N, C-alpha and C. Protein backbone atom coordinates (compact mmCIF):
# COMPACT_ATOMS: atom_id res chain seq x y z
N UNK A 1 0.65 -1.25 0.43
CA UNK A 1 0.11 -0.35 0.28
C UNK A 1 0.80 0.85 -0.21
N UNK A 2 0.70 1.84 -0.97
CA UNK A 2 1.13 3.62 -0.59
C UNK A 2 0.21 4.01 0.65
N UNK A 3 1.59 5.91 0.84
CA UNK A 3 1.29 5.92 1.75
C UNK A 3 1.81 7.76 1.29
N UNK A 4 1.42 8.58 2.00
CA UNK A 4 1.83 10.29 2.43
C UNK A 4 0.89 10.79 3.17
N UNK A 5 3.28 11.27 3.53
CA UNK A 5 2.73 12.39 4.13
C UNK A 5 2.75 13.73 3.97
N UNK A 6 1.26 14.10 4.74
CA UNK A 6 0.92 15.71 3.18
C UNK A 6 0.87 16.92 4.66
N UNK A 7 1.90 17.62 4.81
CA UNK A 7 1.42 19.09 5.12
C UNK A 7 0.82 20.25 4.39
N UNK A 8 -0.10 21.15 4.53
CA UNK A 8 -0.04 22.42 3.86
C UNK A 8 -0.59 22.19 2.58
N UNK A 9 -1.06 20.60 2.09
CA UNK A 9 -1.18 19.99 0.46
C UNK A 9 -0.06 19.72 0.12
N UNK A 10 0.84 19.75 0.77
CA UNK A 10 2.47 19.74 0.25
C UNK A 10 3.04 17.66 0.26
N UNK A 11 3.28 16.90 -0.76
CA UNK A 11 3.75 16.12 -0.17
C UNK A 11 5.10 15.42 0.62
N UNK A 12 5.37 15.81 1.91
CA UNK A 12 7.15 15.94 2.51
C UNK A 12 7.15 14.46 2.71
N UNK A 13 6.89 12.99 1.97
CA UNK A 13 6.99 12.07 2.51
C UNK A 13 6.11 11.45 1.57
N UNK A 14 6.94 10.23 1.02
CA UNK A 14 6.13 9.00 0.52
C UNK A 14 6.64 7.44 1.39
N UNK A 15 6.16 6.28 0.63
CA UNK A 15 6.43 5.21 1.89
C UNK A 15 5.43 3.92 1.11
N UNK A 16 5.79 2.50 0.70
CA UNK A 16 5.26 1.29 0.67
C UNK A 16 5.38 0.85 1.70
N UNK A 17 4.05 -0.12 1.79
CA UNK A 17 4.38 -0.78 3.32
C UNK A 17 5.44 -2.40 2.87
N UNK A 18 5.79 -3.01 3.36
CA UNK A 18 6.30 -3.59 3.31
C UNK A 18 5.33 -4.90 3.33
N UNK A 19 6.04 -6.70 3.13
CA UNK A 19 5.57 -7.94 2.92
C UNK A 19 5.07 -7.58 5.36
N UNK A 20 4.90 -6.78 5.45
CA UNK A 20 4.39 -7.08 7.31
C UNK A 20 3.25 -5.52 7.33
N UNK A 21 3.00 -4.91 6.29
CA UNK A 21 2.17 -3.78 6.38
C UNK A 21 2.72 -3.15 7.25
N UNK A 22 4.08 -2.90 7.52
CA UNK A 22 4.47 -1.54 7.63
C UNK A 22 5.99 -0.47 6.92
N UNK A 23 5.94 0.39 7.25
CA UNK A 23 6.84 1.81 6.84
C UNK A 23 8.23 1.89 7.95
N UNK A 24 8.54 1.59 8.27
CA UNK A 24 10.34 1.06 8.83
C UNK A 24 10.00 2.38 9.62
N UNK A 25 10.61 4.04 8.02
CA UNK A 25 10.64 4.91 8.80
C UNK A 25 9.73 5.67 8.03
N UNK A 26 8.53 6.68 7.22
CA UNK A 26 8.17 7.65 6.88
C UNK A 26 9.16 9.34 6.17
N UNK A 27 9.16 9.32 7.97
CA UNK A 27 9.95 10.72 7.52
C UNK A 27 10.86 10.65 9.26
N UNK A 28 11.82 10.94 8.96
CA UNK A 28 12.57 11.43 10.10
C UNK A 28 12.58 12.99 10.07
N UNK A 29 12.38 13.00 11.85
CA UNK A 29 12.97 14.62 11.71
C UNK A 29 11.58 15.63 11.89
N UNK A 30 10.39 14.83 11.63
CA UNK A 30 9.58 16.11 11.77
C UNK A 30 9.43 16.90 12.88
N UNK A 31 9.12 18.68 12.12
CA UNK A 31 8.99 19.26 13.37
C UNK A 31 7.64 19.54 13.11
N UNK A 32 6.75 19.57 14.82
CA UNK A 32 5.90 19.63 15.58
C UNK A 32 4.96 20.39 14.32
N UNK A 33 3.18 19.89 14.27
CA UNK A 33 2.59 20.61 13.91
C UNK A 33 1.69 18.61 13.21
N UNK A 34 0.86 20.15 12.46
CA UNK A 34 -0.58 19.17 11.74
C UNK A 34 -0.28 19.06 10.10
N UNK A 35 -0.23 17.45 10.40
CA UNK A 35 0.08 16.28 9.49
C UNK A 35 -1.07 15.45 8.52
N UNK A 36 -0.94 14.76 7.53
CA UNK A 36 -2.30 14.48 7.40
C UNK A 36 -1.43 12.84 6.11
N UNK A 37 -1.64 12.21 6.74
CA UNK A 37 -1.30 10.72 6.15
C UNK A 37 -2.48 9.35 5.75
N UNK A 38 -2.16 10.38 4.09
CA UNK A 38 -2.76 9.50 3.39
C UNK A 38 -2.28 8.09 2.29
N UNK A 39 -3.35 6.97 2.88
CA UNK A 39 -3.83 5.75 2.31
C UNK A 39 -3.90 5.59 0.72
N UNK A 40 -3.07 4.88 0.30
CA UNK A 40 -4.08 4.91 -0.74
C UNK A 40 -3.94 2.87 -1.18
N UNK A 41 -5.44 2.97 -0.69
CA UNK A 41 -6.42 0.91 -0.62
C UNK A 41 -5.82 0.23 -2.26
N UNK A 42 -6.30 -0.33 -2.38
CA UNK A 42 -6.37 -1.16 -3.52
C UNK A 42 -8.13 -1.99 -3.73
N UNK A 43 -8.38 -1.87 -2.31
CA UNK A 43 -10.12 -2.26 -2.44
C UNK A 43 -11.17 -1.33 -3.24
N UNK A 44 -12.29 -2.17 -2.90
CA UNK A 44 -13.36 -1.52 -4.41
C UNK A 44 -13.67 -0.52 -3.75
N UNK A 45 -14.06 0.25 -3.08
CA UNK A 45 -15.52 0.26 -2.18
C UNK A 45 -13.62 1.55 -1.19
N UNK A 46 -13.51 1.43 -0.08
CA UNK A 46 -12.27 1.99 0.35
C UNK A 46 -11.68 2.32 -0.89
N UNK A 47 -11.39 3.42 -1.29
CA UNK A 47 -10.01 3.67 -2.08
C UNK A 47 -8.94 4.69 -1.63
N UNK A 48 -9.17 6.21 -1.10
CA UNK A 48 -8.26 5.95 -0.49
C UNK A 48 -8.08 6.44 1.76
N UNK A 49 -8.24 6.55 2.30
CA UNK A 49 -8.20 7.19 3.04
C UNK A 49 -7.26 8.44 3.61
N UNK A 50 -7.87 9.48 4.46
CA UNK A 50 -6.43 10.25 4.63
C UNK A 50 -6.94 10.93 6.25
N UNK A 51 -6.15 10.63 7.43
CA UNK A 51 -5.91 10.97 8.41
C UNK A 51 -5.87 11.79 8.18
N UNK A 52 -6.19 12.75 9.96
CA UNK A 52 -5.41 14.20 9.88
C UNK A 52 -4.62 14.05 10.91
N UNK A 53 -3.60 14.38 11.76
CA UNK A 53 -2.64 14.45 12.71
C UNK A 53 -2.28 15.43 12.68
N UNK A 54 -2.77 15.22 14.48
CA UNK A 54 -0.62 16.75 15.69
C UNK A 54 0.25 16.02 15.67
N UNK A 55 1.09 15.93 14.63
CA UNK A 55 2.50 15.19 15.16
C UNK A 55 3.15 16.90 16.60
N UNK A 56 3.35 15.80 17.81
CA UNK A 56 4.33 16.60 18.81
C UNK A 56 5.63 16.21 18.65
N UNK A 57 6.08 15.89 20.41
CA UNK A 57 7.93 16.10 20.54
C UNK A 57 8.06 14.20 20.14
N UNK A 58 6.97 13.78 20.49
CA UNK A 58 7.08 11.97 20.60
C UNK A 58 8.23 11.99 19.40
N UNK A 59 9.21 10.63 19.18
CA UNK A 59 10.02 9.98 18.43
C UNK A 59 9.41 8.95 17.05
N UNK A 60 8.54 8.31 17.72
CA UNK A 60 8.14 7.14 16.63
C UNK A 60 6.45 7.31 16.88
N UNK A 61 5.66 7.25 15.86
CA UNK A 61 4.97 7.04 15.87
C UNK A 61 3.72 5.79 15.55
N UNK A 62 2.71 4.41 15.22
CA UNK A 62 2.75 3.58 15.06
C UNK A 62 1.51 4.09 14.88
N UNK A 63 0.87 4.23 13.19
CA UNK A 63 -0.64 4.01 13.49
C UNK A 63 -0.98 3.66 11.82
N UNK A 64 -1.45 1.59 12.78
CA UNK A 64 -1.53 1.42 12.19
C UNK A 64 -3.51 1.61 11.38
N UNK A 65 -3.93 1.05 9.93
CA UNK A 65 -5.23 1.61 9.52
C UNK A 65 -5.30 -0.11 9.22
N UNK A 66 -6.77 -0.39 9.89
CA UNK A 66 -6.66 -1.60 9.23
C UNK A 66 -7.94 -1.76 8.56
N UNK A 67 -8.32 -2.08 6.75
CA UNK A 67 -9.71 -1.49 6.24
C UNK A 67 -9.86 -3.66 4.92
N UNK A 68 -11.32 -3.19 5.90
CA UNK A 68 -12.36 -4.84 5.50
C UNK A 68 -13.19 -3.73 4.43
N UNK A 69 -13.28 -5.14 3.30
CA UNK A 69 -14.26 -4.46 1.79
C UNK A 69 -15.55 -4.09 2.61
N UNK A 70 -16.38 -3.68 3.95
CA UNK A 70 -17.11 -2.98 4.68
C UNK A 70 -16.51 -2.15 6.05
N UNK A 71 -15.83 -2.09 6.31
CA UNK A 71 -15.41 -1.04 7.69
C UNK A 71 -13.78 -1.02 6.74
N UNK A 72 -13.06 0.75 8.00
CA UNK A 72 -11.72 1.37 7.91
C UNK A 72 -12.36 1.25 9.50
N UNK A 73 -10.84 1.06 10.64
CA UNK A 73 -10.59 1.41 11.25
C UNK A 73 -8.94 1.74 11.60
N UNK A 74 -8.76 2.53 12.92
CA UNK A 74 -6.69 3.43 12.79
C UNK A 74 -7.15 3.32 14.39
N UNK A 75 -5.78 3.65 14.47
CA UNK A 75 -6.17 4.31 16.14
C UNK A 75 -3.89 4.34 15.93
N UNK A 76 -3.53 6.04 17.38
CA UNK A 76 -3.04 5.79 17.24
C UNK A 76 -2.37 4.60 18.03
N UNK A 77 -0.53 3.93 17.96
CA UNK A 77 -0.73 2.01 19.27
C UNK A 77 0.37 2.77 19.38
N UNK A 78 1.73 1.84 20.48
CA UNK A 78 3.22 2.34 20.90
C UNK A 78 3.43 1.74 19.81
């Protein structure tokens, strides 16, 4: 799955998930602020999911996206 990270409408990072569905590091040294994570899905109904997130001073973020043909769920993991 292709994932991009945007700030103020501009793409600041892109990545593709590995076989485990993860991206080891999408963007290093991000400044605190508001960002949008955009997930490009291959599903027939859900084609794209965008999450607006607030990044603080934490060093790592884990944002799982669980998608089925009938639902989409996300949360901030640790």
